[in-house]
Amino acid sequence: QVQLVESGGGLVQAGGSLRLSCAASGSILRFNAMGWYRQAPGKQREWVAAITNSGSTNYADSVKGRFTISRDNAKNTVTLQMNSLKPEDTAVYYCTVGSAWPYRVNSWGQGTQVTVSS
């Protein structure tokens, strides 16, 4: 059983920044990667970024160059630094744990809302 708790969502103006964090606990040693997904209103959930235990990262084209994923293996945390935010980044962001590559999700967090106003 894996528990994922996200924090850091909120409301920001376009062009601003937000930092999402996620703390993982439970049986996570068998997974070598953590990542983020998002789901905008009326749209399908989409992958955003992922990072392996060794620090290898991948990003969706829509966020490449604006978002940065990082992790602290000792604390079992993953962070998503989001810069130059756009209204189309508005979504519920979900922390995940899984295996890579390709990134496959095993467990999901509850999600945190990010709203970018124009």
N, C-alpha and C. Protein backbone atom coordinates (compact mmCIF):
# COMPACT_ATOMS: atom_id res chain seq x y z
N GLN A 1 0.85 -1.19 0.00
CA GLN A 1 0.00 0.00 0.00
C GLN A 1 0.89 1.25 0.00
N VAL A 2 0.57 2.16 -0.90
CA VAL A 2 1.33 3.41 -1.03
C VAL A 2 0.41 4.58 -0.73
N GLN A 3 0.92 5.52 0.03
CA GLN A 3 0.18 6.74 0.30
C GLN A 3 0.94 7.92 -0.29
N LEU A 4 0.21 8.78 -0.99
CA LEU A 4 0.79 9.96 -1.62
C LEU A 4 -0.02 11.18 -1.20
N VAL A 5 0.67 12.19 -0.68
CA VAL A 5 -0.01 13.39 -0.21
C VAL A 5 0.61 14.60 -0.92
N GLU A 6 -0.23 15.29 -1.71
CA GLU A 6 0.22 16.46 -2.45
C GLU A 6 -0.04 17.74 -1.65
N SER A 7 0.75 18.76 -1.96
CA SER A 7 0.54 20.09 -1.38
C SER A 7 1.09 21.13 -2.35
N GLY A 8 0.64 22.37 -2.17
CA GLY A 8 1.22 23.46 -2.94
C GLY A 8 0.35 24.03 -4.05
N GLY A 9 -0.81 23.47 -4.28
CA GLY A 9 -1.68 24.01 -5.32
C GLY A 9 -2.24 25.36 -4.91
N GLY A 10 -2.92 26.01 -5.85
CA GLY A 10 -3.51 27.30 -5.54
C GLY A 10 -3.85 28.09 -6.77
N LEU A 11 -4.08 29.37 -6.57
CA LEU A 11 -4.45 30.29 -7.65
C LEU A 11 -3.27 31.22 -7.95
N VAL A 12 -2.96 31.37 -9.23
CA VAL A 12 -1.86 32.23 -9.63
C VAL A 12 -2.21 32.90 -10.95
N GLN A 13 -1.65 34.05 -11.19
CA GLN A 13 -1.88 34.73 -12.46
C GLN A 13 -0.98 34.14 -13.55
N ALA A 14 -1.42 34.29 -14.77
CA ALA A 14 -0.62 33.83 -15.90
C ALA A 14 0.77 34.46 -15.85
N GLY A 15 1.77 33.63 -16.12
CA GLY A 15 3.15 34.09 -16.04
C GLY A 15 3.79 33.84 -14.70
N GLY A 16 2.99 33.47 -13.72
CA GLY A 16 3.49 33.24 -12.37
C GLY A 16 4.03 31.83 -12.19
N SER A 17 4.34 31.53 -10.94
CA SER A 17 4.94 30.24 -10.60
C SER A 17 4.23 29.61 -9.42
N LEU A 18 4.27 28.29 -9.39
CA LEU A 18 3.80 27.50 -8.25
C LEU A 18 4.72 26.31 -8.08
N ARG A 19 4.77 25.82 -6.86
CA ARG A 19 5.60 24.65 -6.56
C ARG A 19 4.73 23.61 -5.88
N LEU A 20 4.62 22.46 -6.52
CA LEU A 20 3.87 21.34 -5.95
C LEU A 20 4.83 20.36 -5.29
N SER A 21 4.40 19.83 -4.17
CA SER A 21 5.20 18.81 -3.49
C SER A 21 4.35 17.59 -3.19
N CYS A 22 5.02 16.45 -3.07
CA CYS A 22 4.32 15.21 -2.79
C CYS A 22 5.19 14.35 -1.89
N ALA A 23 4.59 13.87 -0.82
CA ALA A 23 5.29 12.98 0.10
C ALA A 23 4.72 11.58 -0.04
N ALA A 24 5.61 10.62 -0.23
CA ALA A 24 5.21 9.22 -0.41
C ALA A 24 5.56 8.41 0.83
N SER A 25 4.70 7.48 1.16
CA SER A 25 4.97 6.57 2.27
C SER A 25 4.38 5.21 1.95
N GLY A 26 4.79 4.22 2.73
CA GLY A 26 4.30 2.87 2.49
C GLY A 26 5.28 2.05 1.67
N SER A 27 4.78 1.11 0.91
CA SER A 27 5.61 0.15 0.17
C SER A 27 6.04 0.71 -1.18
N ILE A 28 7.01 1.63 -1.15
CA ILE A 28 7.43 2.28 -2.38
C ILE A 28 8.78 1.81 -2.89
N LEU A 29 9.47 0.96 -2.15
CA LEU A 29 10.83 0.57 -2.55
C LEU A 29 10.85 -0.18 -3.87
N ARG A 30 9.74 -0.86 -4.21
CA ARG A 30 9.74 -1.63 -5.46
C ARG A 30 9.49 -0.78 -6.69
N PHE A 31 9.25 0.50 -6.50
CA PHE A 31 9.01 1.39 -7.62
C PHE A 31 10.22 2.30 -7.83
N ASN A 32 10.58 2.52 -9.08
CA ASN A 32 11.79 3.29 -9.34
C ASN A 32 11.53 4.69 -9.87
N ALA A 33 10.26 5.10 -9.86
CA ALA A 33 9.98 6.42 -10.44
C ALA A 33 8.78 7.07 -9.75
N MET A 34 8.75 8.39 -9.82
CA MET A 34 7.60 9.17 -9.37
C MET A 34 7.29 10.21 -10.43
N GLY A 35 6.05 10.64 -10.46
CA GLY A 35 5.69 11.59 -11.50
C GLY A 35 4.42 12.34 -11.18
N TRP A 36 4.03 13.17 -12.15
CA TRP A 36 2.82 13.98 -12.03
C TRP A 36 1.95 13.82 -13.28
N TYR A 37 0.68 13.77 -13.03
CA TYR A 37 -0.34 13.83 -14.07
C TYR A 37 -1.22 15.04 -13.76
N ARG A 38 -2.05 15.41 -14.72
CA ARG A 38 -3.03 16.46 -14.49
C ARG A 38 -4.29 16.18 -15.29
N GLN A 39 -5.39 16.76 -14.78
CA GLN A 39 -6.67 16.62 -15.49
C GLN A 39 -7.39 17.95 -15.44
N ALA A 40 -7.59 18.51 -16.62
CA ALA A 40 -8.32 19.76 -16.75
C ALA A 40 -9.81 19.47 -16.87
N PRO A 41 -10.66 20.44 -16.55
CA PRO A 41 -12.11 20.22 -16.64
C PRO A 41 -12.52 19.79 -18.04
N GLY A 42 -13.26 18.70 -18.12
CA GLY A 42 -13.76 18.21 -19.39
C GLY A 42 -12.75 17.52 -20.26
N LYS A 43 -11.55 17.29 -19.73
CA LYS A 43 -10.49 16.66 -20.52
C LYS A 43 -10.01 15.39 -19.86
N GLN A 44 -9.32 14.57 -20.63
CA GLN A 44 -8.74 13.35 -20.08
C GLN A 44 -7.50 13.67 -19.25
N ARG A 45 -7.23 12.79 -18.32
CA ARG A 45 -6.03 12.94 -17.52
C ARG A 45 -4.81 12.78 -18.42
N GLU A 46 -3.79 13.63 -18.24
CA GLU A 46 -2.60 13.57 -19.07
C GLU A 46 -1.34 13.56 -18.22
N TRP A 47 -0.34 12.89 -18.73
CA TRP A 47 0.94 12.82 -18.05
C TRP A 47 1.66 14.16 -18.20
N VAL A 48 2.37 14.57 -17.13
CA VAL A 48 3.08 15.85 -17.13
C VAL A 48 4.59 15.64 -17.10
N ALA A 49 5.06 14.87 -16.12
CA ALA A 49 6.51 14.67 -15.97
C ALA A 49 6.74 13.49 -15.05
N ALA A 50 7.94 12.92 -15.15
CA ALA A 50 8.33 11.83 -14.26
C ALA A 50 9.83 11.85 -14.05
N ILE A 51 10.24 11.23 -12.94
CA ILE A 51 11.67 11.19 -12.59
C ILE A 51 11.96 9.85 -11.93
N THR A 52 13.09 9.25 -12.29
CA THR A 52 13.48 7.97 -11.70
C THR A 52 14.32 8.19 -10.44
N ASN A 53 14.58 7.11 -9.74
CA ASN A 53 15.41 7.18 -8.54
C ASN A 53 16.80 7.71 -8.85
N SER A 54 17.28 7.47 -10.06
CA SER A 54 18.62 7.91 -10.46
C SER A 54 18.63 9.33 -11.01
N GLY A 55 17.46 9.95 -11.10
CA GLY A 55 17.39 11.35 -11.54
C GLY A 55 17.07 11.57 -13.00
N SER A 56 16.85 10.51 -13.75
CA SER A 56 16.45 10.64 -15.14
C SER A 56 15.03 11.22 -15.22
N THR A 57 14.85 12.21 -16.10
CA THR A 57 13.55 12.90 -16.18
C THR A 57 12.99 12.89 -17.59
N ASN A 58 11.69 13.01 -17.67
CA ASN A 58 10.99 13.19 -18.94
C ASN A 58 9.82 14.13 -18.71
N TYR A 59 9.50 14.89 -19.74
CA TYR A 59 8.42 15.87 -19.65
C TYR A 59 7.50 15.79 -20.86
N ALA A 60 6.24 16.13 -20.63
CA ALA A 60 5.34 16.31 -21.75
C ALA A 60 5.78 17.55 -22.53
N ASP A 61 5.56 17.52 -23.84
CA ASP A 61 5.98 18.65 -24.67
C ASP A 61 5.33 19.97 -24.22
N SER A 62 4.11 19.87 -23.69
CA SER A 62 3.38 21.07 -23.32
C SER A 62 3.99 21.81 -22.14
N VAL A 63 4.83 21.14 -21.36
CA VAL A 63 5.42 21.79 -20.17
C VAL A 63 6.94 21.88 -20.25
N LYS A 64 7.52 21.29 -21.27
CA LYS A 64 8.97 21.26 -21.39
C LYS A 64 9.52 22.69 -21.41
N GLY A 65 10.55 22.93 -20.62
CA GLY A 65 11.15 24.26 -20.55
C GLY A 65 10.50 25.18 -19.53
N ARG A 66 9.33 24.80 -19.02
CA ARG A 66 8.63 25.63 -18.03
C ARG A 66 8.53 24.93 -16.68
N PHE A 67 8.38 23.61 -16.69
CA PHE A 67 8.25 22.83 -15.46
C PHE A 67 9.53 22.06 -15.20
N THR A 68 9.83 21.88 -13.91
CA THR A 68 10.99 21.08 -13.51
C THR A 68 10.59 20.12 -12.41
N ILE A 69 10.88 18.85 -12.63
CA ILE A 69 10.58 17.84 -11.61
C ILE A 69 11.86 17.46 -10.90
N SER A 70 11.77 17.27 -9.60
CA SER A 70 12.93 16.86 -8.81
C SER A 70 12.45 15.96 -7.68
N ARG A 71 13.38 15.28 -7.05
CA ARG A 71 12.99 14.39 -5.96
C ARG A 71 14.09 14.31 -4.91
N ASP A 72 13.67 13.94 -3.73
CA ASP A 72 14.58 13.69 -2.62
C ASP A 72 14.36 12.24 -2.21
N ASN A 73 15.27 11.37 -2.61
CA ASN A 73 15.09 9.94 -2.35
C ASN A 73 15.10 9.63 -0.86
N ALA A 74 15.88 10.38 -0.10
CA ALA A 74 15.96 10.13 1.34
C ALA A 74 14.64 10.43 2.03
N LYS A 75 13.92 11.43 1.52
CA LYS A 75 12.66 11.82 2.14
C LYS A 75 11.44 11.27 1.39
N ASN A 76 11.68 10.57 0.28
CA ASN A 76 10.58 10.05 -0.54
C ASN A 76 9.61 11.15 -0.95
N THR A 77 10.17 12.24 -1.43
CA THR A 77 9.35 13.35 -1.89
C THR A 77 9.68 13.69 -3.34
N VAL A 78 8.69 14.19 -4.04
CA VAL A 78 8.88 14.67 -5.41
C VAL A 78 8.26 16.06 -5.51
N THR A 79 8.90 16.92 -6.26
CA THR A 79 8.49 18.31 -6.39
C THR A 79 8.33 18.67 -7.85
N LEU A 80 7.34 19.49 -8.14
CA LEU A 80 7.14 20.00 -9.49
C LEU A 80 7.17 21.52 -9.42
N GLN A 81 8.22 22.11 -9.93
CA GLN A 81 8.33 23.56 -10.00
C GLN A 81 7.73 24.00 -11.32
N MET A 82 6.70 24.84 -11.25
CA MET A 82 5.99 25.27 -12.45
C MET A 82 6.17 26.77 -12.65
N ASN A 83 6.82 27.13 -13.73
CA ASN A 83 7.08 28.53 -14.05
C ASN A 83 6.36 28.92 -15.34
N SER A 84 6.24 30.21 -15.56
CA SER A 84 5.59 30.73 -16.77
C SER A 84 4.25 30.06 -17.00
N LEU A 85 3.46 30.00 -15.95
CA LEU A 85 2.18 29.29 -16.02
C LEU A 85 1.21 29.97 -16.97
N LYS A 86 0.41 29.13 -17.63
CA LYS A 86 -0.58 29.59 -18.60
C LYS A 86 -1.97 29.16 -18.13
N PRO A 87 -3.01 29.84 -18.58
CA PRO A 87 -4.36 29.41 -18.20
C PRO A 87 -4.64 27.95 -18.56
N GLU A 88 -4.05 27.47 -19.63
CA GLU A 88 -4.27 26.08 -20.01
C GLU A 88 -3.58 25.07 -19.10
N ASP A 89 -2.78 25.55 -18.16
CA ASP A 89 -2.20 24.68 -17.15
C ASP A 89 -3.17 24.41 -15.99
N THR A 90 -4.30 25.10 -16.01
CA THR A 90 -5.30 24.91 -14.97
C THR A 90 -5.80 23.47 -14.98
N ALA A 91 -5.70 22.81 -13.83
CA ALA A 91 -6.07 21.40 -13.74
C ALA A 91 -5.91 20.93 -12.30
N VAL A 92 -6.40 19.74 -12.05
CA VAL A 92 -6.06 19.04 -10.82
C VAL A 92 -4.80 18.24 -11.11
N TYR A 93 -3.79 18.43 -10.28
CA TYR A 93 -2.51 17.76 -10.47
C TYR A 93 -2.39 16.59 -9.49
N TYR A 94 -2.01 15.44 -10.02
CA TYR A 94 -1.94 14.21 -9.25
C TYR A 94 -0.50 13.72 -9.14
N CYS A 95 -0.08 13.45 -7.95
CA CYS A 95 1.20 12.80 -7.72
C CYS A 95 1.05 11.30 -7.93
N THR A 96 2.08 10.69 -8.51
CA THR A 96 2.02 9.26 -8.78
C THR A 96 3.36 8.59 -8.45
N VAL A 97 3.29 7.29 -8.27
CA VAL A 97 4.50 6.48 -8.12
C VAL A 97 4.37 5.29 -9.05
N GLY A 98 5.49 4.88 -9.65
CA GLY A 98 5.41 3.78 -10.61
C GLY A 98 6.78 3.34 -11.05
N SER A 99 6.87 2.89 -12.33
CA SER A 99 8.12 2.40 -12.89
C SER A 99 8.40 3.07 -14.23
N ALA A 100 9.64 3.12 -14.57
CA ALA A 100 10.05 3.80 -15.81
C ALA A 100 11.34 3.16 -16.34
N TRP A 101 11.57 3.36 -17.64
CA TRP A 101 10.79 3.94 -18.70
C TRP A 101 10.23 2.81 -19.59
N PRO A 102 9.10 3.01 -20.29
CA PRO A 102 8.19 4.13 -20.18
C PRO A 102 7.55 4.18 -18.80
N TYR A 103 7.04 5.37 -18.46
CA TYR A 103 6.51 5.54 -17.12
C TYR A 103 5.15 4.89 -16.99
N ARG A 104 5.02 4.01 -16.04
CA ARG A 104 3.76 3.33 -15.77
C ARG A 104 3.39 3.56 -14.31
N VAL A 105 2.16 4.01 -14.09
CA VAL A 105 1.72 4.40 -12.76
C VAL A 105 1.20 3.20 -11.98
N ASN A 106 1.57 3.16 -10.72
CA ASN A 106 1.03 2.14 -9.83
C ASN A 106 0.03 2.73 -8.85
N SER A 107 0.33 3.93 -8.33
CA SER A 107 -0.53 4.53 -7.30
C SER A 107 -0.70 6.02 -7.56
N TRP A 108 -1.87 6.53 -7.13
CA TRP A 108 -2.23 7.93 -7.34
C TRP A 108 -2.48 8.63 -6.02
N GLY A 109 -2.13 9.92 -5.99
CA GLY A 109 -2.53 10.75 -4.87
C GLY A 109 -3.95 11.26 -5.08
N GLN A 110 -4.41 12.08 -4.14
CA GLN A 110 -5.77 12.60 -4.21
C GLN A 110 -5.90 13.79 -5.14
N GLY A 111 -4.80 14.45 -5.43
CA GLY A 111 -4.81 15.59 -6.34
C GLY A 111 -4.84 16.92 -5.63
N THR A 112 -4.29 17.92 -6.29
CA THR A 112 -4.31 19.29 -5.78
C THR A 112 -4.64 20.23 -6.94
N GLN A 113 -5.50 21.21 -6.65
CA GLN A 113 -6.00 22.09 -7.71
C GLN A 113 -4.99 23.19 -8.00
N VAL A 114 -4.73 23.40 -9.28
CA VAL A 114 -3.93 24.54 -9.74
C VAL A 114 -4.80 25.35 -10.70
N THR A 115 -4.97 26.62 -10.40
CA THR A 115 -5.77 27.49 -11.24
C THR A 115 -4.92 28.68 -11.68
N VAL A 116 -4.85 28.88 -12.99
CA VAL A 116 -4.08 29.98 -13.55
C VAL A 116 -5.05 30.95 -14.21
N SER A 117 -5.09 32.16 -13.70
CA SER A 117 -6.01 33.17 -14.23
C SER A 117 -5.31 34.00 -15.32
N SER A 118 -6.11 34.43 -16.28
CA SER A 118 -5.54 35.20 -17.41
C SER A 118 -5.55 36.70 -17.11
